């Protein structure tokens, strides 16, 4: 479908709401307000070809955190 690349879908982190929001990709890296509960939500920044942007969730700060095999 044309235009799907222009939308970011994210779930509201408020446990009482959890509404799925569809925001324009131009909102990446910005804060938006959930229309359901009014919570402020930071939209993740654009991911480059090299992986996630610095400081983004899912970017491991310490790759040595895995438990050693017993």
C-alpha atoms as a PDB file:
ATOM      1  CA  UNK A   1       0.000   0.000   0.000  1.00  0.00           C
ATOM      2  CA  UNK A   2       1.415   3.404  -0.812  1.00  0.00           C
ATOM      3  CA  UNK A   3       2.091   5.738   2.086  1.00  0.00           C
ATOM      4  CA  UNK A   4       2.783   3.116   4.774  1.00  0.00           C
ATOM      5  CA  UNK A   5       6.415   4.238   4.981  1.00  0.00           C
ATOM      6  CA  UNK A   6       5.224   7.668   6.137  1.00  0.00           C
ATOM      7  CA  UNK A   7       3.558   6.374   9.317  1.00  0.00           C
ATOM      8  CA  UNK A   8       5.054   5.147  12.592  1.00  0.00           C
ATOM      9  CA  UNK A   9       2.831   2.943  14.734  1.00  0.00           C
ATOM     10  CA  UNK A  10       3.527   2.955  18.463  1.00  0.00           C
ATOM     11  CA  UNK A  11       1.564   1.815  21.501  1.00  0.00           C
ATOM     12  CA  UNK A  12       0.861   4.270  24.300  1.00  0.00           C
ATOM     13  CA  UNK A  13       2.988   3.213  27.308  1.00  0.00           C
ATOM     14  CA  UNK A  14       0.214   4.171  29.759  1.00  0.00           C
ATOM     15  CA  UNK A  15      -1.062   0.829  31.083  1.00  0.00           C
ATOM     16  CA  UNK A  16      -4.574   2.233  31.420  1.00  0.00           C
ATOM     17  CA  UNK A  17      -4.645   3.297  27.766  1.00  0.00           C
ATOM     18  CA  UNK A  18      -2.336   1.232  25.508  1.00  0.00           C
ATOM     19  CA  UNK A  19      -3.901   2.809  22.405  1.00  0.00           C
ATOM     20  CA  UNK A  20      -2.014   2.227  19.149  1.00  0.00           C
ATOM     21  CA  UNK A  21      -1.000   5.573  17.671  1.00  0.00           C
ATOM     22  CA  UNK A  22      -0.212   6.191  14.013  1.00  0.00           C
ATOM     23  CA  UNK A  23       2.013   9.268  13.771  1.00  0.00           C
ATOM     24  CA  UNK A  24       3.795  10.718  10.735  1.00  0.00           C
ATOM     25  CA  UNK A  25       7.410   9.640  10.282  1.00  0.00           C
ATOM     26  CA  UNK A  26       8.349  13.343  10.537  1.00  0.00           C
ATOM     27  CA  UNK A  27       7.577  13.003  14.272  1.00  0.00           C
ATOM     28  CA  UNK A  28      10.550  10.659  14.827  1.00  0.00           C
ATOM     29  CA  UNK A  29      12.731  11.934  17.663  1.00  0.00           C
ATOM     30  CA  UNK A  30       9.950  14.216  18.934  1.00  0.00           C
ATOM     31  CA  UNK A  31       7.385  14.029  21.719  1.00  0.00           C
ATOM     32  CA  UNK A  32       3.711  13.551  20.845  1.00  0.00           C
ATOM     33  CA  UNK A  33       0.629  13.454  23.051  1.00  0.00           C
ATOM     34  CA  UNK A  34      -1.703  10.446  23.139  1.00  0.00           C
ATOM     35  CA  UNK A  35      -5.230  11.514  22.198  1.00  0.00           C
ATOM     36  CA  UNK A  36      -6.653   8.774  24.417  1.00  0.00           C
ATOM     37  CA  UNK A  37      -5.083   9.671  27.768  1.00  0.00           C
ATOM     38  CA  UNK A  38      -2.914  12.753  27.216  1.00  0.00           C
ATOM     39  CA  UNK A  39       0.402  11.038  28.006  1.00  0.00           C
ATOM     40  CA  UNK A  40       3.525  12.417  26.359  1.00  0.00           C
ATOM     41  CA  UNK A  41       5.291   9.805  24.223  1.00  0.00           C
ATOM     42  CA  UNK A  42       8.742  10.132  22.646  1.00  0.00           C
ATOM     43  CA  UNK A  43       8.781   8.657  19.137  1.00  0.00           C
ATOM     44  CA  UNK A  44      12.023   6.716  18.468  1.00  0.00           C
ATOM     45  CA  UNK A  45      14.515   8.435  16.164  1.00  0.00           C
ATOM     46  CA  UNK A  46      15.231   7.216  12.632  1.00  0.00           C
ATOM     47  CA  UNK A  47      17.276   4.051  12.424  1.00  0.00           C
ATOM     48  CA  UNK A  48      20.120   4.266   9.948  1.00  0.00           C
ATOM     49  CA  UNK A  49      21.519   1.410   7.879  1.00  0.00           C
ATOM     50  CA  UNK A  50      24.124   0.785  10.593  1.00  0.00           C
ATOM     51  CA  UNK A  51      21.508  -0.062  13.219  1.00  0.00           C
ATOM     52  CA  UNK A  52      19.714   1.926  15.882  1.00  0.00           C
ATOM     53  CA  UNK A  53      20.522   5.557  16.541  1.00  0.00           C
ATOM     54  CA  UNK A  54      22.819   6.254  19.516  1.00  0.00           C
ATOM     55  CA  UNK A  55      20.899   6.274  22.779  1.00  0.00           C
ATOM     56  CA  UNK A  56      17.878   4.546  21.267  1.00  0.00           C
ATOM     57  CA  UNK A  57      16.156   1.769  23.160  1.00  0.00           C
ATOM     58  CA  UNK A  58      17.454  -1.617  22.100  1.00  0.00           C
ATOM     59  CA  UNK A  59      20.979  -0.301  21.578  1.00  0.00           C
ATOM     60  CA  UNK A  60      23.061  -2.384  24.032  1.00  0.00           C
ATOM     61  CA  UNK A  61      25.285  -0.231  26.205  1.00  0.00           C
ATOM     62  CA  UNK A  62      27.324  -3.199  27.391  1.00  0.00           C
ATOM     63  CA  UNK A  63      27.490  -6.220  25.082  1.00  0.00           C
ATOM     64  CA  UNK A  64      29.232  -8.199  27.860  1.00  0.00           C
ATOM     65  CA  UNK A  65      25.988  -8.433  29.886  1.00  0.00           C
ATOM     66  CA  UNK A  66      25.202 -11.986  28.757  1.00  0.00           C
ATOM     67  CA  UNK A  67      25.586 -14.604  31.441  1.00  0.00           C
ATOM     68  CA  UNK A  68      28.514 -16.988  30.884  1.00  0.00           C
ATOM     69  CA  UNK A  69      27.682 -20.570  30.000  1.00  0.00           C
ATOM     70  CA  UNK A  70      27.855 -22.923  32.988  1.00  0.00           C
END
